[in-house]
Amino acid sequence: MRDEARAAGKYDAAISAEHKRGQALGYYVERRESGAVGAFQAKTREEADRVLEETIAKIAAKQAIERAKAKPES
Protein backbone atom coordinates (compact mmCIF):
# COMPACT_ATOMS: atom_id res chain seq x y z
CA MET A 1 0.00 0.00 0.00
CA ARG A 2 2.84 2.34 0.86
CA ASP A 3 4.51 1.84 -2.49
CA GLU A 4 1.24 2.19 -4.39
CA ALA A 5 0.42 5.43 -2.58
CA ARG A 6 3.91 6.80 -3.22
CA ALA A 7 3.69 5.88 -6.90
CA ALA A 8 0.36 7.71 -7.14
CA GLY A 9 1.93 10.80 -5.53
CA LYS A 10 -0.17 10.47 -2.37
CA TYR A 11 2.60 11.00 0.11
CA ASP A 12 0.32 11.54 3.10
CA ALA A 13 -1.24 8.12 2.46
CA ALA A 14 2.21 6.57 2.00
CA ILE A 15 3.39 7.98 5.33
CA SER A 16 0.21 6.81 7.04
CA ALA A 17 0.59 3.32 5.58
CA GLU A 18 4.21 3.11 6.72
CA HIS A 19 3.25 4.26 10.21
CA LYS A 20 0.48 1.65 10.43
CA ARG A 21 2.90 -1.01 9.23
CA GLY A 22 5.35 0.00 11.96
CA GLN A 23 2.60 -0.21 14.58
CA ALA A 24 1.61 -3.68 13.41
CA LEU A 25 5.24 -4.80 13.66
CA GLY A 26 5.57 -3.34 17.16
CA TYR A 27 8.03 -0.58 16.31
CA TYR A 28 5.97 2.07 18.10
CA VAL A 29 4.88 2.11 21.72
CA GLU A 30 1.64 3.89 22.47
CA ARG A 31 1.44 5.41 25.92
CA ARG A 32 -1.63 6.65 27.71
CA GLU A 33 -2.18 8.14 31.10
CA SER A 34 -5.50 8.22 32.79
CA GLY A 35 -6.32 9.82 36.09
CA ALA A 36 -7.78 12.83 37.75
CA VAL A 37 -6.60 16.29 36.84
CA GLY A 38 -3.35 16.94 38.68
CA ALA A 39 -2.86 13.29 39.60
CA PHE A 40 0.48 13.21 37.79
CA GLN A 41 2.00 16.29 39.32
CA ALA A 42 5.46 15.87 40.77
CA LYS A 43 5.45 14.57 44.32
CA THR A 44 8.12 14.71 46.95
CA ARG A 45 9.89 11.47 47.80
CA GLU A 46 7.96 11.27 51.07
CA GLU A 47 4.60 11.73 49.31
CA ALA A 48 5.47 9.10 46.72
CA ASP A 49 6.56 6.66 49.46
CA ARG A 50 3.33 7.26 51.41
CA VAL A 51 1.16 6.66 48.33
CA LEU A 52 3.13 3.51 47.51
CA GLU A 53 2.77 2.17 51.07
CA GLU A 54 -1.00 2.87 51.02
CA THR A 55 -1.35 1.09 47.69
CA ILE A 56 0.62 -1.92 48.91
CA ALA A 57 -1.54 -2.09 52.06
CA LYS A 58 -4.74 -2.01 49.98
CA ILE A 59 -3.47 -4.80 47.74
CA ALA A 60 -2.44 -6.91 50.76
CA ALA A 61 -5.88 -6.43 52.33
CA LYS A 62 -7.64 -7.49 49.14
CA GLN A 63 -5.41 -10.55 48.84
CA ALA A 64 -6.13 -11.51 52.46
CA ILE A 65 -9.87 -11.25 51.83
CA GLU A 66 -9.59 -13.41 48.71
CA ARG A 67 -7.54 -16.03 50.58
CA ALA A 68 -10.09 -16.08 53.39
CA LYS A 69 -12.92 -16.56 50.90
CA ALA A 70 -11.08 -19.39 49.14
CA LYS A 71 -10.20 -21.17 52.39
CA PRO A 72 -12.63 -24.01 53.14
CA GLU A 73 -14.37 -23.70 56.48
CA SER A 74 -13.51 -26.34 59.10
PDB file of N, CA and C in Angstrom:
ATOM      1  N   MET A   1       0.827  -1.189   0.000  1.00  0.00           N
ATOM      2  CA  MET A   1       0.000   0.000   0.000  1.00  0.00           C
ATOM      3  C   MET A   1       0.874   1.257   0.000  1.00  0.00           C
ATOM      4  N   ARG A   2       1.945   1.190   0.796  1.00  0.00           N
ATOM      5  CA  ARG A   2       2.835   2.344   0.864  1.00  0.00           C
ATOM      6  C   ARG A   2       3.405   2.665  -0.506  1.00  0.00           C
ATOM      7  N   ASP A   3       3.884   1.637  -1.183  1.00  0.00           N
ATOM      8  CA  ASP A   3       4.505   1.835  -2.489  1.00  0.00           C
ATOM      9  C   ASP A   3       3.495   2.306  -3.526  1.00  0.00           C
ATOM     10  N   GLU A   4       2.291   1.766  -3.460  1.00  0.00           N
ATOM     11  CA  GLU A   4       1.240   2.186  -4.389  1.00  0.00           C
ATOM     12  C   GLU A   4       0.864   3.651  -4.155  1.00  0.00           C
ATOM     13  N   ALA A   5       0.763   4.040  -2.889  1.00  0.00           N
ATOM     14  CA  ALA A   5       0.418   5.433  -2.577  1.00  0.00           C
ATOM     15  C   ALA A   5       1.532   6.367  -3.029  1.00  0.00           C
ATOM     16  N   ARG A   6       2.784   5.965  -2.802  1.00  0.00           N
ATOM     17  CA  ARG A   6       3.913   6.800  -3.221  1.00  0.00           C
ATOM     18  C   ARG A   6       3.928   6.943  -4.735  1.00  0.00           C
ATOM     19  N   ALA A   7       3.688   5.849  -5.439  1.00  0.00           N
ATOM     20  CA  ALA A   7       3.688   5.884  -6.902  1.00  0.00           C
ATOM     21  C   ALA A   7       2.580   6.784  -7.440  1.00  0.00           C
ATOM     22  N   ALA A   8       1.480   6.859  -6.718  1.00  0.00           N
ATOM     23  CA  ALA A   8       0.364   7.706  -7.141  1.00  0.00           C
ATOM     24  C   ALA A   8       0.553   9.155  -6.692  1.00  0.00           C
ATOM     25  N   GLY A   9       1.669   9.439  -5.991  1.00  0.00           N
ATOM     26  CA  GLY A   9       1.926  10.801  -5.534  1.00  0.00           C
ATOM     27  C   GLY A   9       1.157  11.184  -4.286  1.00  0.00           C
ATOM     28  N   LYS A  10       0.592  10.207  -3.603  1.00  0.00           N
ATOM     29  CA  LYS A  10      -0.168  10.471  -2.373  1.00  0.00           C
ATOM     30  C   LYS A  10       0.747  10.205  -1.175  1.00  0.00           C
ATOM     31  N   TYR A  11       1.585  11.189  -0.909  1.00  0.00           N
ATOM     32  CA  TYR A  11       2.598  11.004   0.109  1.00  0.00           C
ATOM     33  C   TYR A  11       2.022  10.914   1.515  1.00  0.00           C
ATOM     34  N   ASP A  12       0.932  11.633   1.775  1.00  0.00           N
ATOM     35  CA  ASP A  12       0.320  11.537   3.095  1.00  0.00           C
ATOM     36  C   ASP A  12      -0.202  10.123   3.339  1.00  0.00           C
ATOM     37  N   ALA A  13      -0.768   9.494   2.339  1.00  0.00           N
ATOM     38  CA  ALA A  13      -1.244   8.120   2.463  1.00  0.00           C
ATOM     39  C   ALA A  13      -0.069   7.155   2.607  1.00  0.00           C
ATOM     40  N   ALA A  14       1.032   7.425   1.901  1.00  0.00           N
ATOM     41  CA  ALA A  14       2.214   6.568   2.000  1.00  0.00           C
ATOM     42  C   ALA A  14       2.802   6.622   3.408  1.00  0.00           C
ATOM     43  N   ILE A  15       2.873   7.820   3.964  1.00  0.00           N
ATOM     44  CA  ILE A  15       3.391   7.980   5.327  1.00  0.00           C
ATOM     45  C   ILE A  15       2.476   7.282   6.321  1.00  0.00           C
ATOM     46  N   SER A  16       1.181   7.451   6.153  1.00  0.00           N
ATOM     47  CA  SER A  16       0.211   6.807   7.037  1.00  0.00           C
ATOM     48  C   SER A  16       0.321   5.285   6.956  1.00  0.00           C
ATOM     49  N   ALA A  17       0.461   4.762   5.756  1.00  0.00           N
ATOM     50  CA  ALA A  17       0.589   3.318   5.577  1.00  0.00           C
ATOM     51  C   ALA A  17       1.859   2.798   6.245  1.00  0.00           C
ATOM     52  N   GLU A  18       2.940   3.529   6.102  1.00  0.00           N
ATOM     53  CA  GLU A  18       4.207   3.114   6.718  1.00  0.00           C
ATOM     54  C   GLU A  18       4.101   3.146   8.236  1.00  0.00           C
ATOM     55  N   HIS A  19       3.445   4.160   8.760  1.00  0.00           N
ATOM     56  CA  HIS A  19       3.251   4.263  10.212  1.00  0.00           C
ATOM     57  C   HIS A  19       2.408   3.083  10.719  1.00  0.00           C
ATOM     58  N   LYS A  20       1.339   2.775  10.039  1.00  0.00           N
ATOM     59  CA  LYS A  20       0.479   1.650  10.430  1.00  0.00           C
ATOM     60  C   LYS A  20       1.245   0.326  10.359  1.00  0.00           C
ATOM     61  N   ARG A  21       2.092   0.195   9.357  1.00  0.00           N
ATOM     62  CA  ARG A  21       2.899  -1.014   9.232  1.00  0.00           C
ATOM     63  C   ARG A  21       3.850  -1.132  10.422  1.00  0.00           C
ATOM     64  N   GLY A  22       4.458  -0.016  10.792  1.00  0.00           N
ATOM     65  CA  GLY A  22       5.352  -0.004  11.955  1.00  0.00           C
ATOM     66  C   GLY A  22       4.620  -0.356  13.239  1.00  0.00           C
ATOM     67  N   GLN A  23       3.394   0.133  13.397  1.00  0.00           N
ATOM     68  CA  GLN A  23       2.598  -0.206  14.579  1.00  0.00           C
ATOM     69  C   GLN A  23       2.313  -1.703  14.614  1.00  0.00           C
ATOM     70  N   ALA A  24       1.935  -2.255  13.480  1.00  0.00           N
ATOM     71  CA  ALA A  24       1.613  -3.677  13.412  1.00  0.00           C
ATOM     72  C   ALA A  24       2.832  -4.536  13.741  1.00  0.00           C
ATOM     73  N   LEU A  25       4.009  -4.052  13.396  1.00  0.00           N
ATOM     74  CA  LEU A  25       5.241  -4.798  13.663  1.00  0.00           C
ATOM     75  C   LEU A  25       5.797  -4.521  15.058  1.00  0.00           C
ATOM     76  N   GLY A  26       5.144  -3.622  15.798  1.00  0.00           N
ATOM     77  CA  GLY A  26       5.569  -3.336  17.163  1.00  0.00           C
ATOM     78  C   GLY A  26       6.717  -2.366  17.288  1.00  0.00           C
ATOM     79  N   TYR A  27       6.946  -1.552  16.253  1.00  0.00           N
ATOM     80  CA  TYR A  27       8.032  -0.578  16.307  1.00  0.00           C
ATOM     81  C   TYR A  27       7.682   0.662  17.124  1.00  0.00           C
ATOM     82  N   TYR A  28       6.413   0.889  17.369  1.00  0.00           N
ATOM     83  CA  TYR A  28       5.972   2.066  18.100  1.00  0.00           C
ATOM     84  C   TYR A  28       5.281   1.631  19.383  1.00  0.00           C
ATOM     85  N   VAL A  29       5.525   2.366  20.444  1.00  0.00           N
ATOM     86  CA  VAL A  29       4.879   2.106  21.721  1.00  0.00           C
ATOM     87  C   VAL A  29       3.898   3.242  21.974  1.00  0.00           C
ATOM     88  N   GLU A  30       2.665   2.876  22.212  1.00  0.00           N
ATOM     89  CA  GLU A  30       1.644   3.885  22.473  1.00  0.00           C
ATOM     90  C   GLU A  30       1.465   3.998  23.978  1.00  0.00           C
ATOM     91  N   ARG A  31       1.590   5.192  24.489  1.00  0.00           N
ATOM     92  CA  ARG A  31       1.436   5.412  25.923  1.00  0.00           C
ATOM     93  C   ARG A  31       0.190   6.234  26.182  1.00  0.00           C
ATOM     94  N   ARG A  32      -0.457   5.890  27.287  1.00  0.00           N
ATOM     95  CA  ARG A  32      -1.634   6.652  27.713  1.00  0.00           C
ATOM     96  C   ARG A  32      -1.585   6.805  29.214  1.00  0.00           C
ATOM     97  N   GLU A  33      -2.042   7.921  29.663  1.00  0.00           N
ATOM     98  CA  GLU A  33      -2.177   8.143  31.095  1.00  0.00           C
ATOM     99  C   GLU A  33      -3.627   8.468  31.369  1.00  0.00           C
ATOM    100  N   SER A  34      -4.138   7.887  32.409  1.00  0.00           N
ATOM    101  CA  SER A  34      -5.498   8.220  32.792  1.00  0.00           C
ATOM    102  C   SER A  34      -5.504   8.486  34.287  1.00  0.00           C
ATOM    103  N   GLY A  35      -6.241   9.463  34.677  1.00  0.00           N
ATOM    104  CA  GLY A  35      -6.316   9.819  36.086  1.00  0.00           C
ATOM    105  C   GLY A  35      -6.971  11.164  36.237  1.00  0.00           C
ATOM    106  N   ALA A  36      -7.160  11.544  37.464  1.00  0.00           N
ATOM    107  CA  ALA A  36      -7.778  12.832  37.753  1.00  0.00           C
ATOM    108  C   ALA A  36      -6.830  13.968  37.384  1.00  0.00           C
ATOM    109  N   VAL A  37      -7.409  15.118  37.164  1.00  0.00           N
ATOM    110  CA  VAL A  37      -6.601  16.287  36.844  1.00  0.00           C
ATOM    111  C   VAL A  37      -5.631  16.546  37.989  1.00  0.00           C
ATOM    112  N   GLY A  38      -4.364  16.684  37.659  1.00  0.00           N
ATOM    113  CA  GLY A  38      -3.351  16.944  38.676  1.00  0.00           C
ATOM    114  C   GLY A  38      -2.801  15.695  39.337  1.00  0.00           C
ATOM    115  N   ALA A  39      -3.298  14.534  38.958  1.00  0.00           N
ATOM    116  CA  ALA A  39      -2.855  13.294  39.600  1.00  0.00           C
ATOM    117  C   ALA A  39      -1.402  12.970  39.271  1.00  0.00           C
ATOM    118  N   PHE A  40      -0.875  13.539  38.203  1.00  0.00           N
ATOM    119  CA  PHE A  40       0.476  13.211  37.786  1.00  0.00           C
ATOM    120  C   PHE A  40       1.470  14.340  38.081  1.00  0.00           C
ATOM    121  N   GLN A  41       1.076  15.224  38.954  1.00  0.00           N
ATOM    122  CA  GLN A  41       1.996  16.287  39.323  1.00  0.00           C
ATOM    123  C   GLN A  41       3.152  15.692  40.124  1.00  0.00           C
ATOM    124  N   ALA A  42       4.279  16.352  40.058  1.00  0.00           N
ATOM    125  CA  ALA A  42       5.457  15.869  40.768  1.00  0.00           C
ATOM    126  C   ALA A  42       5.191  15.830  42.262  1.00  0.00           C
ATOM    127  N   LYS A  43       5.614  14.747  42.889  1.00  0.00           N
ATOM    128  CA  LYS A  43       5.452  14.568  44.318  1.00  0.00           C
ATOM    129  C   LYS A  43       6.830  14.535  44.962  1.00  0.00           C
ATOM    130  N   THR A  44       6.855  14.853  46.235  1.00  0.00           N
ATOM    131  CA  THR A  44       8.119  14.710  46.953  1.00  0.00           C
ATOM    132  C   THR A  44       8.360  13.230  47.178  1.00  0.00           C
ATOM    133  N   ARG A  45       9.547  12.880  47.530  1.00  0.00           N
ATOM    134  CA  ARG A  45       9.894  11.474  47.796  1.00  0.00           C
ATOM    135  C   ARG A  45       9.013  10.920  48.907  1.00  0.00           C
ATOM    136  N   GLU A  46       8.777  11.719  49.936  1.00  0.00           N
ATOM    137  CA  GLU A  46       7.956  11.275  51.067  1.00  0.00           C
ATOM    138  C   GLU A  46       6.511  11.020  50.636  1.00  0.00           C
ATOM    139  N   GLU A  47       5.975  11.909  49.802  1.00  0.00           N
ATOM    140  CA  GLU A  47       4.605  11.726  49.314  1.00  0.00           C
ATOM    141  C   GLU A  47       4.494  10.470  48.455  1.00  0.00           C
ATOM    142  N   ALA A  48       5.475  10.274  47.591  1.00  0.00           N
ATOM    143  CA  ALA A  48       5.468   9.099  46.723  1.00  0.00           C
ATOM    144  C   ALA A  48       5.573   7.821  47.556  1.00  0.00           C
ATOM    145  N   ASP A  49       6.429   7.829  48.576  1.00  0.00           N
ATOM    146  CA  ASP A  49       6.562   6.663  49.456  1.00  0.00           C
ATOM    147  C   ASP A  49       5.263   6.380  50.198  1.00  0.00           C
ATOM    148  N   ARG A  50       4.596   7.427  50.687  1.00  0.00           N
ATOM    149  CA  ARG A  50       3.335   7.263  51.412  1.00  0.00           C
ATOM    150  C   ARG A  50       2.268   6.653  50.504  1.00  0.00           C
ATOM    151  N   VAL A  51       2.154   7.183  49.287  1.00  0.00           N
ATOM    152  CA  VAL A  51       1.164   6.664  48.335  1.00  0.00           C
ATOM    153  C   VAL A  51       1.466   5.208  47.999  1.00  0.00           C
ATOM    154  N   LEU A  52       2.734   4.886  47.809  1.00  0.00           N
ATOM    155  CA  LEU A  52       3.130   3.514  47.509  1.00  0.00           C
ATOM    156  C   LEU A  52       2.783   2.580  48.668  1.00  0.00           C
ATOM    157  N   GLU A  53       3.078   2.995  49.892  1.00  0.00           N
ATOM    158  CA  GLU A  53       2.766   2.172  51.066  1.00  0.00           C
ATOM    159  C   GLU A  53       1.262   1.964  51.202  1.00  0.00           C
ATOM    160  N   GLU A  54       0.465   3.001  50.951  1.00  0.00           N
ATOM    161  CA  GLU A  54      -0.996   2.871  51.024  1.00  0.00           C
ATOM    162  C   GLU A  54      -1.501   1.893  49.974  1.00  0.00           C
ATOM    163  N   THR A  55      -0.946   1.984  48.779  1.00  0.00           N
ATOM    164  CA  THR A  55      -1.354   1.089  47.695  1.00  0.00           C
ATOM    165  C   THR A  55      -1.000  -0.352  48.023  1.00  0.00           C
ATOM    166  N   ILE A  56       0.193  -0.569  48.537  1.00  0.00           N
ATOM    167  CA  ILE A  56       0.615  -1.924  48.910  1.00  0.00           C
ATOM    168  C   ILE A  56      -0.291  -2.476  50.004  1.00  0.00           C
ATOM    169  N   ALA A  57      -0.657  -1.650  50.983  1.00  0.00           N
ATOM    170  CA  ALA A  57      -1.540  -2.089  52.064  1.00  0.00           C
ATOM    171  C   ALA A  57      -2.917  -2.472  51.524  1.00  0.00           C
ATOM    172  N   LYS A  58      -3.440  -1.697  50.573  1.00  0.00           N
ATOM    173  CA  LYS A  58      -4.743  -2.012  49.980  1.00  0.00           C
ATOM    174  C   LYS A  58      -4.689  -3.342  49.238  1.00  0.00           C
ATOM    175  N   ILE A  59      -3.619  -3.560  48.488  1.00  0.00           N
ATOM    176  CA  ILE A  59      -3.469  -4.802  47.738  1.00  0.00           C
ATOM    177  C   ILE A  59      -3.376  -5.986  48.705  1.00  0.00           C
ATOM    178  N   ALA A  60      -2.591  -5.835  49.774  1.00  0.00           N
ATOM    179  CA  ALA A  60      -2.436  -6.907  50.761  1.00  0.00           C
ATOM    180  C   ALA A  60      -3.776  -7.222  51.421  1.00  0.00           C
ATOM    181  N   ALA A  61      -4.569  -6.205  51.717  1.00  0.00           N
ATOM    182  CA  ALA A  61      -5.877  -6.425  52.334  1.00  0.00           C
ATOM    183  C   ALA A  61      -6.799  -7.179  51.384  1.00  0.00           C
ATOM    184  N   LYS A  62      -6.802  -6.794  50.122  1.00  0.00           N
ATOM    185  CA  LYS A  62      -7.641  -7.487  49.137  1.00  0.00           C
ATOM    186  C   LYS A  62      -7.210  -8.939  48.981  1.00  0.00           C
ATOM    187  N   GLN A  63      -5.903  -9.187  48.972  1.00  0.00           N
ATOM    188  CA  GLN A  63      -5.409 -10.553  48.840  1.00  0.00           C
ATOM    189  C   GLN A  63      -5.793 -11.388  50.051  1.00  0.00           C
ATOM    190  N   ALA A  64      -5.745 -10.789  51.245  1.00  0.00           N
ATOM    191  CA  ALA A  64      -6.125 -11.510  52.460  1.00  0.00           C
ATOM    192  C   ALA A  64      -7.602 -11.878  52.423  1.00  0.00           C
ATOM    193  N   ILE A  65      -8.427 -10.977  51.947  1.00  0.00           N
ATOM    194  CA  ILE A  65      -9.866 -11.251  51.834  1.00  0.00           C
ATOM    195  C   ILE A  65     -10.107 -12.383  50.853  1.00  0.00           C
ATOM    196  N   GLU A  66      -9.427 -12.353  49.706  1.00  0.00           N
ATOM    197  CA  GLU A  66      -9.586 -13.405  48.706  1.00  0.00           C
ATOM    198  C   GLU A  66      -9.126 -14.762  49.247  1.00  0.00           C
ATOM    199  N   ARG A  67      -8.012 -14.771  49.990  1.00  0.00           N
ATOM    200  CA  ARG A  67      -7.537 -16.030  50.575  1.00  0.00           C
ATOM    201  C   ARG A  67      -8.534 -16.559  51.599  1.00  0.00           C
ATOM    202  N   ALA A  68      -9.116 -15.662  52.384  1.00  0.00           N
ATOM    203  CA  ALA A  68     -10.092 -16.081  53.395  1.00  0.00           C
ATOM    204  C   ALA A  68     -11.351 -16.641  52.721  1.00  0.00           C
ATOM    205  N   LYS A  69     -11.754 -16.066  51.614  1.00  0.00           N
ATOM    206  CA  LYS A  69     -12.924 -16.559  50.897  1.00  0.00           C
ATOM    207  C   LYS A  69     -12.658 -17.935  50.279  1.00  0.00           C
ATOM    208  N   ALA A  70     -11.439 -18.140  49.805  1.00  0.00           N
ATOM    209  CA  ALA A  70     -11.080 -19.391  49.139  1.00  0.00           C
ATOM    210  C   ALA A  70     -10.819 -20.523  50.126  1.00  0.00           C
ATOM    211  N   LYS A  71     -10.531 -20.183  51.381  1.00  0.00           N
ATOM    212  CA  LYS A  71     -10.200 -21.170  52.395  1.00  0.00           C
ATOM    213  C   LYS A  71     -11.467 -21.913  52.813  1.00  0.00           C
ATOM    214  N   PRO A  72     -11.442 -23.253  52.732  1.00  0.00           N
ATOM    215  CA  PRO A  72     -12.633 -24.013  53.138  1.00  0.00           C
ATOM    216  C   PRO A  72     -12.816 -23.913  54.654  1.00  0.00           C
ATOM    217  N   GLU A  73     -14.070 -23.798  55.058  1.00  0.00           N
ATOM    218  CA  GLU A  73     -14.372 -23.701  56.484  1.00  0.00           C
ATOM    219  C   GLU A  73     -14.232 -25.064  57.144  1.00  0.00           C
ATOM    220  N   SER A  74     -13.707 -25.076  58.369  1.00  0.00           N
ATOM    221  CA  SER A  74     -13.507 -26.340  59.097  1.00  0.00           C
ATOM    222  C   SER A  74     -14.707 -26.689  59.925  1.00  0.00           C
TER     223      SER A  74
END
